[in-house]
């Protein structure tokens, strides 16, 4: 199935959705995917690196294993990633 075919199929399925909560989740997901980012300055990059290092040293962090355990209940794949984004954006 081509990307165009998948898009058309998705739109057809989307148009059948009656649940406003689900529509809102898709809106949030789409908004997150289309947000443009502006580049940060070198100073901002260094500030963020220093803050991250301080947070880690203070124990203010979560391991990737903990995140996966919390948000992914099945093997990691493209579909799971979409579901995780939808779930996280509504939490």
Protein backbone atom coordinates (compact mmCIF):
# COMPACT_ATOMS: atom_id res chain seq x y z
CA UNK A 1 0.00 0.00 0.00
CA UNK A 2 1.49 3.37 -1.00
CA UNK A 3 1.69 6.39 1.24
CA UNK A 4 -1.07 8.07 -0.77
CA UNK A 5 -3.32 5.03 -0.31
CA UNK A 6 -2.62 5.02 3.42
CA UNK A 7 -3.46 8.73 3.70
CA UNK A 8 -6.75 8.26 1.87
CA UNK A 9 -7.64 5.25 4.02
CA UNK A 10 -6.75 7.21 7.15
CA UNK A 11 -8.93 10.16 6.13
CA UNK A 12 -11.84 7.84 5.38
CA UNK A 13 -11.53 6.21 8.78
CA UNK A 14 -11.05 9.59 10.48
CA UNK A 15 -14.27 10.94 8.99
CA UNK A 16 -16.19 8.10 10.66
CA UNK A 17 -15.00 9.06 14.17
CA UNK A 18 -17.81 10.40 16.34
CA UNK A 19 -15.96 10.69 19.66
CA UNK A 20 -14.89 14.28 20.36
CA UNK A 21 -12.14 13.18 22.76
CA UNK A 22 -10.52 11.14 20.01
CA UNK A 23 -10.78 14.07 17.59
CA UNK A 24 -9.14 16.32 20.20
CA UNK A 25 -6.30 13.82 20.59
CA UNK A 26 -5.70 13.84 16.85
CA UNK A 27 -5.75 17.64 16.84
CA UNK A 28 -3.12 17.73 19.58
CA UNK A 29 -1.00 15.17 17.76
CA UNK A 30 -1.22 17.08 14.50
CA UNK A 31 -0.41 20.34 16.24
CA UNK A 32 2.64 18.78 17.87
CA UNK A 33 3.83 17.39 14.54
CA UNK A 34 3.49 20.71 12.70
CA UNK A 35 4.99 23.02 15.32
CA UNK A 36 7.97 24.88 13.96
CA UNK A 37 10.99 25.27 16.15
CA UNK A 38 13.40 28.15 16.20
CA UNK A 39 17.07 27.40 16.70
CA UNK A 40 18.49 28.03 20.14
CA UNK A 41 21.58 30.09 20.80
CA UNK A 42 24.85 28.51 21.89
CA UNK A 43 24.34 30.13 25.29
CA UNK A 44 20.89 28.52 25.63
CA UNK A 45 22.33 25.14 24.59
CA UNK A 46 25.05 25.41 27.25
CA UNK A 47 22.50 26.53 29.86
CA UNK A 48 20.33 23.49 29.10
CA UNK A 49 23.31 21.13 29.19
CA UNK A 50 24.40 22.53 32.56
CA UNK A 51 20.85 22.27 33.94
CA UNK A 52 20.52 18.67 32.71
CA UNK A 53 23.86 17.75 34.29
CA UNK A 54 22.79 19.33 37.59
CA UNK A 55 19.44 17.51 37.48
CA UNK A 56 21.14 14.16 36.88
CA UNK A 57 23.65 14.78 39.69
CA UNK A 58 20.74 15.61 42.02
CA UNK A 59 18.88 12.44 41.02
CA UNK A 60 16.14 14.33 39.18
CA UNK A 61 15.76 12.01 36.22
CA UNK A 62 13.90 8.99 34.90
CA UNK A 63 15.64 6.16 33.06
CA UNK A 64 14.63 5.18 29.56
CA UNK A 65 13.62 1.77 30.92
CA UNK A 66 11.22 3.42 33.37
CA UNK A 67 9.68 5.50 30.58
CA UNK A 68 9.27 2.46 28.35
CA UNK A 69 7.68 0.50 31.19
CA UNK A 70 5.28 3.35 31.89
CA UNK A 71 4.22 4.23 28.33
CA UNK A 72 4.81 1.17 26.15
CA UNK A 73 2.97 -2.02 27.01
CA UNK A 74 3.82 -3.92 23.82
CA UNK A 75 6.88 -4.28 21.59
CA UNK A 76 8.16 -0.96 20.24
CA UNK A 77 7.08 -0.19 16.67
CA UNK A 78 5.68 2.68 14.59
CA UNK A 79 2.09 2.01 15.64
CA UNK A 80 3.02 1.86 19.32
CA UNK A 81 4.85 5.17 18.95
CA UNK A 82 1.69 6.84 17.61
CA UNK A 83 -0.41 5.41 20.43
CA UNK A 84 2.18 6.57 22.98
CA UNK A 85 2.14 10.10 21.55
CA UNK A 86 -1.65 10.20 21.70
CA UNK A 87 -1.69 8.86 25.25
CA UNK A 88 1.05 11.22 26.45
CA UNK A 89 -0.54 14.27 24.86
CA UNK A 90 -3.77 13.73 26.79
CA UNK A 91 -2.20 13.02 30.17
